Amino acid sequence: MRKIATLISLFIATVANAAPPILIDQKTGHYLGNLNTNRDDPDSVSNPHGRYGSKTSEDSINNPNGKYGSHQSNDSMNNPYATNAPIVLDRENK
């Protein structure tokens, strides 16, 4: 039982310290924020007041009228037919 608790603790510590995946425009390499659920992180797409999570920011996937959030834009995460939707990059904390 002690081994299982140790393994769980190790897993939680590893996940907690891991850098979240990021979004980038696959054509230009333009950074579009990170994919974590921290609403206070200024770089998170979950921050409704941040550059990458706001419904009004031009760099946000949450802006329904923007390049990266529109249902019609070829560069949007929200267009299922987009050929240039942002890509997710997994990064490691080193």
N, C-alpha and C. Protein backbone atom coordinates (compact mmCIF):
# COMPACT_ATOMS: atom_id res chain seq x y z
N MET A 1 0.81 -1.19 0.00
CA MET A 1 0.00 0.00 0.00
C MET A 1 0.86 1.26 0.00
N ARG A 2 1.96 1.20 0.71
CA ARG A 2 2.85 2.35 0.80
C ARG A 2 3.46 2.67 -0.57
N LYS A 3 3.76 1.62 -1.37
CA LYS A 3 4.32 1.83 -2.71
C LYS A 3 3.32 2.53 -3.61
N ILE A 4 2.06 2.16 -3.50
CA ILE A 4 1.03 2.79 -4.33
C ILE A 4 0.90 4.27 -3.97
N ALA A 5 0.91 4.58 -2.69
CA ALA A 5 0.81 5.97 -2.25
C ALA A 5 2.01 6.78 -2.75
N THR A 6 3.18 6.18 -2.72
CA THR A 6 4.39 6.86 -3.21
C THR A 6 4.29 7.11 -4.70
N LEU A 7 3.83 6.12 -5.47
CA LEU A 7 3.68 6.28 -6.91
C LEU A 7 2.66 7.36 -7.24
N ILE A 8 1.56 7.39 -6.53
CA ILE A 8 0.54 8.41 -6.75
C ILE A 8 1.11 9.80 -6.45
N SER A 9 1.84 9.93 -5.36
CA SER A 9 2.45 11.21 -5.00
C SER A 9 3.45 11.66 -6.07
N LEU A 10 4.24 10.73 -6.56
CA LEU A 10 5.20 11.05 -7.62
C LEU A 10 4.49 11.51 -8.89
N PHE A 11 3.43 10.82 -9.26
CA PHE A 11 2.66 11.18 -10.45
C PHE A 11 2.08 12.58 -10.32
N ILE A 12 1.48 12.87 -9.16
CA ILE A 12 0.89 14.19 -8.93
C ILE A 12 1.95 15.27 -8.99
N ALA A 13 3.10 15.04 -8.40
CA ALA A 13 4.18 16.03 -8.43
C ALA A 13 4.67 16.26 -9.85
N THR A 14 4.75 15.21 -10.65
CA THR A 14 5.20 15.34 -12.03
C THR A 14 4.20 16.13 -12.86
N VAL A 15 2.92 15.81 -12.71
CA VAL A 15 1.88 16.51 -13.46
C VAL A 15 1.81 17.98 -13.04
N ALA A 16 1.95 18.25 -11.76
CA ALA A 16 1.86 19.61 -11.26
C ALA A 16 3.00 20.49 -11.79
N ASN A 17 4.16 19.91 -12.04
CA ASN A 17 5.31 20.67 -12.50
C ASN A 17 5.46 20.68 -14.02
N ALA A 18 4.64 19.93 -14.71
CA ALA A 18 4.75 19.86 -16.17
C ALA A 18 4.24 21.16 -16.79
N ALA A 19 4.91 21.60 -17.82
CA ALA A 19 4.48 22.78 -18.55
C ALA A 19 3.27 22.41 -19.40
N PRO A 20 2.26 23.26 -19.43
CA PRO A 20 1.07 22.94 -20.22
C PRO A 20 1.37 23.02 -21.72
N PRO A 21 0.62 22.29 -22.52
CA PRO A 21 0.78 22.40 -23.97
C PRO A 21 0.45 23.83 -24.41
N ILE A 22 0.97 24.22 -25.56
CA ILE A 22 0.71 25.56 -26.08
C ILE A 22 0.05 25.47 -27.46
N LEU A 23 -0.59 26.55 -27.86
CA LEU A 23 -1.18 26.67 -29.19
C LEU A 23 -0.34 27.64 -30.01
N ILE A 24 -0.11 27.29 -31.27
CA ILE A 24 0.56 28.22 -32.17
C ILE A 24 -0.13 28.17 -33.53
N ASP A 25 -0.03 29.27 -34.25
CA ASP A 25 -0.50 29.33 -35.63
C ASP A 25 0.49 28.51 -36.44
N GLN A 26 0.01 27.47 -37.10
CA GLN A 26 0.92 26.56 -37.80
C GLN A 26 1.60 27.20 -39.00
N LYS A 27 1.03 28.26 -39.55
CA LYS A 27 1.63 28.90 -40.71
C LYS A 27 2.70 29.93 -40.31
N THR A 28 2.40 30.72 -39.28
CA THR A 28 3.31 31.81 -38.89
C THR A 28 4.12 31.53 -37.64
N GLY A 29 3.69 30.54 -36.83
CA GLY A 29 4.36 30.27 -35.57
C GLY A 29 3.94 31.22 -34.46
N HIS A 30 2.93 32.05 -34.71
CA HIS A 30 2.44 33.02 -33.73
C HIS A 30 1.89 32.29 -32.51
N TYR A 31 2.37 32.66 -31.33
CA TYR A 31 1.94 32.05 -30.06
C TYR A 31 0.51 32.46 -29.74
N LEU A 32 -0.34 31.48 -29.34
CA LEU A 32 -1.75 31.74 -29.06
C LEU A 32 -2.17 31.33 -27.65
N GLY A 33 -1.21 31.16 -26.75
CA GLY A 33 -1.52 30.85 -25.36
C GLY A 33 -1.27 29.41 -24.99
N ASN A 34 -1.46 29.13 -23.70
CA ASN A 34 -1.26 27.75 -23.24
C ASN A 34 -2.59 27.13 -22.85
N LEU A 35 -2.58 25.81 -22.80
CA LEU A 35 -3.79 25.05 -22.53
C LEU A 35 -3.79 24.52 -21.10
N ASN A 36 -4.03 25.41 -20.17
CA ASN A 36 -4.27 24.97 -18.80
C ASN A 36 -5.59 25.56 -18.34
N THR A 37 -6.04 25.17 -17.19
CA THR A 37 -7.34 25.63 -16.70
C THR A 37 -7.23 26.75 -15.66
N ASN A 38 -6.05 27.31 -15.52
CA ASN A 38 -5.82 28.37 -14.54
C ASN A 38 -6.36 29.69 -15.07
N ARG A 39 -7.48 30.13 -14.51
CA ARG A 39 -8.12 31.37 -14.97
C ARG A 39 -7.33 32.61 -14.59
N ASP A 40 -6.30 32.47 -13.75
CA ASP A 40 -5.46 33.61 -13.36
C ASP A 40 -4.16 33.69 -14.16
N ASP A 41 -3.85 32.66 -14.91
CA ASP A 41 -2.63 32.64 -15.72
C ASP A 41 -2.80 33.60 -16.90
N PRO A 42 -1.96 34.62 -17.03
CA PRO A 42 -2.13 35.58 -18.12
C PRO A 42 -1.97 34.97 -19.52
N ASP A 43 -1.32 33.83 -19.63
CA ASP A 43 -1.12 33.17 -20.92
C ASP A 43 -2.11 32.05 -21.21
N SER A 44 -3.02 31.79 -20.30
CA SER A 44 -3.96 30.68 -20.46
C SER A 44 -5.15 31.04 -21.34
N VAL A 45 -5.57 30.10 -22.18
CA VAL A 45 -6.79 30.29 -22.98
C VAL A 45 -8.03 30.23 -22.08
N SER A 46 -7.86 29.84 -20.82
CA SER A 46 -8.97 29.78 -19.86
C SER A 46 -9.16 31.08 -19.09
N ASN A 47 -8.26 32.04 -19.27
CA ASN A 47 -8.36 33.31 -18.56
C ASN A 47 -9.26 34.25 -19.37
N PRO A 48 -10.50 34.50 -18.89
CA PRO A 48 -11.44 35.31 -19.66
C PRO A 48 -11.03 36.78 -19.80
N HIS A 49 -10.05 37.23 -19.03
CA HIS A 49 -9.60 38.61 -19.09
C HIS A 49 -8.23 38.74 -19.74
N GLY A 50 -7.63 37.63 -20.10
CA GLY A 50 -6.28 37.64 -20.67
C GLY A 50 -6.28 37.73 -22.18
N ARG A 51 -5.13 38.00 -22.71
CA ARG A 51 -4.94 38.15 -24.15
C ARG A 51 -5.36 36.92 -24.95
N TYR A 52 -5.12 35.73 -24.39
CA TYR A 52 -5.37 34.50 -25.13
C TYR A 52 -6.69 33.81 -24.77
N GLY A 53 -7.42 34.36 -23.80
CA GLY A 53 -8.68 33.75 -23.40
C GLY A 53 -9.89 34.65 -23.53
N SER A 54 -9.64 35.92 -23.77
CA SER A 54 -10.71 36.91 -23.87
C SER A 54 -11.60 36.69 -25.10
N LYS A 55 -12.85 37.07 -24.98
CA LYS A 55 -13.78 36.97 -26.12
C LYS A 55 -13.61 38.13 -27.10
N THR A 56 -12.74 39.09 -26.77
CA THR A 56 -12.54 40.24 -27.65
C THR A 56 -11.12 40.38 -28.20
N SER A 57 -10.19 39.61 -27.69
CA SER A 57 -8.80 39.71 -28.14
C SER A 57 -8.60 39.08 -29.51
N GLU A 58 -7.82 39.73 -30.35
CA GLU A 58 -7.56 39.17 -31.69
C GLU A 58 -6.69 37.92 -31.65
N ASP A 59 -6.01 37.67 -30.54
CA ASP A 59 -5.17 36.49 -30.39
C ASP A 59 -5.86 35.34 -29.66
N SER A 60 -7.15 35.45 -29.42
CA SER A 60 -7.87 34.46 -28.62
C SER A 60 -8.67 33.48 -29.47
N ILE A 61 -8.62 32.20 -29.08
CA ILE A 61 -9.46 31.19 -29.74
C ILE A 61 -10.90 31.28 -29.24
N ASN A 62 -11.14 32.13 -28.24
CA ASN A 62 -12.48 32.31 -27.68
C ASN A 62 -13.23 33.50 -28.28
N ASN A 63 -12.60 34.21 -29.21
CA ASN A 63 -13.22 35.37 -29.86
C ASN A 63 -14.00 34.89 -31.08
N PRO A 64 -15.34 34.87 -31.00
CA PRO A 64 -16.14 34.34 -32.12
C PRO A 64 -16.04 35.17 -33.40
N ASN A 65 -15.52 36.40 -33.30
CA ASN A 65 -15.36 37.25 -34.48
C ASN A 65 -13.91 37.35 -34.94
N GLY A 66 -13.01 36.67 -34.26
CA GLY A 66 -11.60 36.77 -34.57
C GLY A 66 -11.09 35.67 -35.47
N LYS A 67 -9.91 35.86 -35.95
CA LYS A 67 -9.24 34.92 -36.87
C LYS A 67 -9.13 33.52 -36.30
N TYR A 68 -8.85 33.40 -34.99
CA TYR A 68 -8.60 32.09 -34.39
C TYR A 68 -9.81 31.49 -33.67
N GLY A 69 -10.93 32.24 -33.59
CA GLY A 69 -12.10 31.74 -32.87
C GLY A 69 -13.37 31.66 -33.70
N SER A 70 -13.35 32.25 -34.88
CA SER A 70 -14.53 32.27 -35.74
C SER A 70 -14.88 30.89 -36.27
N HIS A 71 -16.15 30.65 -36.52
CA HIS A 71 -16.57 29.37 -37.10
C HIS A 71 -16.32 29.32 -38.61
N GLN A 72 -16.00 30.48 -39.23
CA GLN A 72 -15.76 30.52 -40.66
C GLN A 72 -14.29 30.65 -41.04
N SER A 73 -13.44 31.12 -40.15
CA SER A 73 -12.05 31.37 -40.48
C SER A 73 -11.28 30.08 -40.74
N ASN A 74 -10.44 30.11 -41.76
CA ASN A 74 -9.59 28.97 -42.09
C ASN A 74 -8.48 28.77 -41.05
N ASP A 75 -8.28 29.78 -40.19
CA ASP A 75 -7.24 29.72 -39.15
C ASP A 75 -7.81 29.43 -37.77
N SER A 76 -9.05 29.02 -37.69
CA SER A 76 -9.75 28.90 -36.42
C SER A 76 -9.80 27.48 -35.86
N MET A 77 -9.71 27.40 -34.54
CA MET A 77 -9.90 26.14 -33.82
C MET A 77 -11.35 25.70 -33.90
N ASN A 78 -12.25 26.64 -34.11
CA ASN A 78 -13.68 26.37 -34.06
C ASN A 78 -14.30 26.04 -35.42
N ASN A 79 -13.49 26.01 -36.45
CA ASN A 79 -13.97 25.65 -37.78
C ASN A 79 -13.53 24.22 -38.07
N PRO A 80 -14.47 23.27 -38.11
CA PRO A 80 -14.08 21.88 -38.32
C PRO A 80 -13.47 21.62 -39.70
N TYR A 81 -13.62 22.55 -40.63
CA TYR A 81 -13.07 22.39 -41.98
C TYR A 81 -11.81 23.21 -42.22
N ALA A 82 -11.32 23.89 -41.20
CA ALA A 82 -10.14 24.74 -41.35
C ALA A 82 -8.92 23.90 -41.72
N THR A 83 -8.16 24.40 -42.66
CA THR A 83 -6.94 23.70 -43.07
C THR A 83 -5.69 24.31 -42.43
N ASN A 84 -5.85 25.43 -41.73
CA ASN A 84 -4.72 26.07 -41.07
C ASN A 84 -5.04 26.37 -39.60
N ALA A 85 -5.80 25.48 -38.97
CA ALA A 85 -6.14 25.69 -37.56
C ALA A 85 -4.87 25.64 -36.71
N PRO A 86 -4.86 26.36 -35.58
CA PRO A 86 -3.69 26.32 -34.69
C PRO A 86 -3.36 24.88 -34.29
N ILE A 87 -2.10 24.64 -34.01
CA ILE A 87 -1.67 23.31 -33.58
C ILE A 87 -1.27 23.35 -32.11
N VAL A 88 -1.38 22.20 -31.48
CA VAL A 88 -1.02 22.05 -30.08
C VAL A 88 0.39 21.48 -30.01
N LEU A 89 1.25 22.14 -29.26
CA LEU A 89 2.60 21.64 -29.03
C LEU A 89 2.76 21.27 -27.57
N ASP A 90 3.20 20.06 -27.34
CA ASP A 90 3.48 19.62 -25.98
C ASP A 90 4.90 20.03 -25.65
N ARG A 91 5.09 20.63 -24.54
CA ARG A 91 6.44 21.05 -24.15
C ARG A 91 6.77 20.50 -22.79
N GLU A 92 8.01 20.25 -22.57
CA GLU A 92 8.46 19.70 -21.29
C GLU A 92 9.11 20.77 -20.46
N ASN A 93 8.95 20.68 -19.17
CA ASN A 93 9.61 21.56 -18.24
C ASN A 93 11.02 21.04 -18.02
N LYS A 94 12.03 21.80 -18.33
CA LYS A 94 13.41 21.32 -18.18
C LYS A 94 14.17 22.13 -17.18
